[in-house]
Protein backbone atom coordinates (compact mmCIF):
# COMPACT_ATOMS: atom_id res chain seq x y z
CA UNK A 1 1.07 29.00 -9.62
CA UNK A 2 -1.07 27.31 -7.02
CA UNK A 3 -3.55 25.90 -9.48
CA UNK A 4 -0.53 24.45 -11.28
CA UNK A 5 0.57 22.79 -8.02
CA UNK A 6 -2.87 21.36 -7.44
CA UNK A 7 -3.13 20.24 -11.08
CA UNK A 8 0.15 18.35 -10.72
CA UNK A 9 -1.22 16.62 -7.63
CA UNK A 10 -4.49 15.75 -9.41
CA UNK A 11 -2.53 14.31 -12.36
CA UNK A 12 -0.38 12.20 -10.05
CA UNK A 13 -3.46 10.93 -8.22
CA UNK A 14 -5.20 10.06 -11.51
CA UNK A 15 -2.11 8.25 -12.79
CA UNK A 16 -2.38 5.94 -9.78
CA UNK A 17 -6.12 5.37 -10.11
CA UNK A 18 -7.43 7.99 -7.67
CA UNK A 19 -10.22 10.44 -8.45
CA UNK A 20 -10.50 13.65 -6.41
CA UNK A 21 -13.69 15.49 -5.50
CA UNK A 22 -14.20 18.48 -3.23
CA UNK A 23 -16.27 17.52 -0.20
CA UNK A 24 -18.05 20.89 0.03
CA UNK A 25 -18.32 22.15 -3.53
CA UNK A 26 -18.72 21.08 -7.14
CA UNK A 27 -15.56 23.08 -7.84
CA UNK A 28 -12.48 21.02 -7.02
CA UNK A 29 -10.42 24.04 -5.96
CA UNK A 30 -12.99 25.60 -3.60
CA UNK A 31 -11.63 26.78 -0.24
CA UNK A 32 -14.19 26.51 2.58
CA UNK A 33 -15.46 29.90 3.73
CA UNK A 34 -15.50 29.16 7.43
CA UNK A 35 -12.12 27.58 8.09
CA UNK A 36 -9.68 28.54 5.28
CA UNK A 37 -9.20 24.92 4.23
CA UNK A 38 -10.03 22.75 1.27
CA UNK A 39 -11.20 19.18 1.68
CA UNK A 40 -10.94 16.50 -0.98
CA UNK A 41 -12.11 12.97 -0.95
CA UNK A 42 -9.99 10.78 -3.18
CA UNK A 43 -11.46 7.49 -4.28
CA UNK A 44 -9.94 4.52 -6.02
CA UNK A 45 -12.40 2.28 -7.84
CA UNK A 46 -10.06 -0.70 -8.03
CA UNK A 47 -10.35 -1.37 -4.30
CA UNK A 48 -13.13 1.03 -3.19
CA UNK A 49 -10.77 2.99 -0.96
CA UNK A 50 -11.67 6.51 0.05
CA UNK A 51 -9.32 8.95 1.76
CA UNK A 52 -9.87 12.54 2.88
CA UNK A 53 -7.17 15.09 2.12
CA UNK A 54 -7.15 18.41 3.95
CA UNK A 55 -5.36 21.42 2.43
CA UNK A 56 -4.03 24.29 4.53
CA UNK A 57 -3.61 27.82 3.12
CA UNK A 58 -1.31 30.30 4.87
CA UNK A 59 0.09 33.63 3.79
CA UNK A 60 3.08 35.25 5.52
CA UNK A 61 1.10 36.02 8.66
CA UNK A 62 -2.16 34.08 8.92
CA UNK A 63 -4.51 31.62 7.30
CA UNK A 64 -5.67 32.51 3.81
CA UNK A 65 -8.36 31.57 1.29
CA UNK A 66 -6.15 32.41 -1.67
CA UNK A 67 -5.18 29.37 -3.77
CA UNK A 68 -1.75 30.92 -4.22
CA UNK A 69 -1.16 30.37 -0.52
CA UNK A 70 -1.51 26.57 -0.48
CA UNK A 71 1.08 25.48 2.07
CA UNK A 72 0.55 21.78 2.61
CA UNK A 73 -1.98 18.99 2.58
CA UNK A 74 -2.41 16.08 4.93
CA UNK A 75 -4.14 12.76 4.80
CA UNK A 76 -4.96 11.26 8.15
CA UNK A 77 -5.06 7.55 7.33
CA UNK A 78 -1.26 7.43 7.43
CA UNK A 79 -0.91 10.89 8.98
CA UNK A 80 1.33 12.07 6.17
CA UNK A 81 1.84 15.61 4.96
CA UNK A 82 2.84 16.96 1.55
CA UNK A 83 4.47 20.40 1.61
CA UNK A 84 4.01 22.70 -1.40
CA UNK A 85 6.79 25.17 -0.54
CA UNK A 86 9.41 23.83 -2.95
CA UNK A 87 7.21 23.18 -5.98
CA UNK A 88 10.01 23.69 -8.52
CA UNK A 89 12.53 21.44 -6.84
CA UNK A 90 13.32 17.86 -7.75
CA UNK A 91 12.84 17.07 -4.06
CA UNK A 92 9.19 18.20 -4.23
CA UNK A 93 8.46 16.00 -7.23
CA UNK A 94 10.08 13.07 -5.46
CA UNK A 95 8.12 13.79 -2.27
CA UNK A 96 4.91 14.07 -4.30
CA UNK A 97 5.46 10.72 -6.00
CA UNK A 98 6.23 9.01 -2.70
CA UNK A 99 3.26 10.63 -0.95
CA UNK A 100 0.81 9.59 -3.68
CA UNK A 101 2.31 6.09 -3.91
CA UNK A 102 1.73 5.61 -0.18
CA UNK A 103 -1.93 6.65 -0.20
CA UNK A 104 -4.12 3.80 0.87
CA UNK A 105 -1.31 1.62 2.18
């Protein structure tokens, strides 16, 4: 399920001209061993913008390294957060679109 969530995000980023790479691995969905987070750099060639996105993974009790436990991501340029809790809701898809649309603004 989590890979599906992340794939939807990657597709939305690509549709708006962004390319995502993992800052610490050649594998896009690699969770860092030392801090239970995943870090992407998203780049847009049209204006040479680059933004770092940090993903947080939490299970019911504590931080996790399991992709199924992706909870939210945050980009610090605008200090905006995208929650993954309600992946199947229309609200989540709307939030995702708005979040991606506002990257780099």
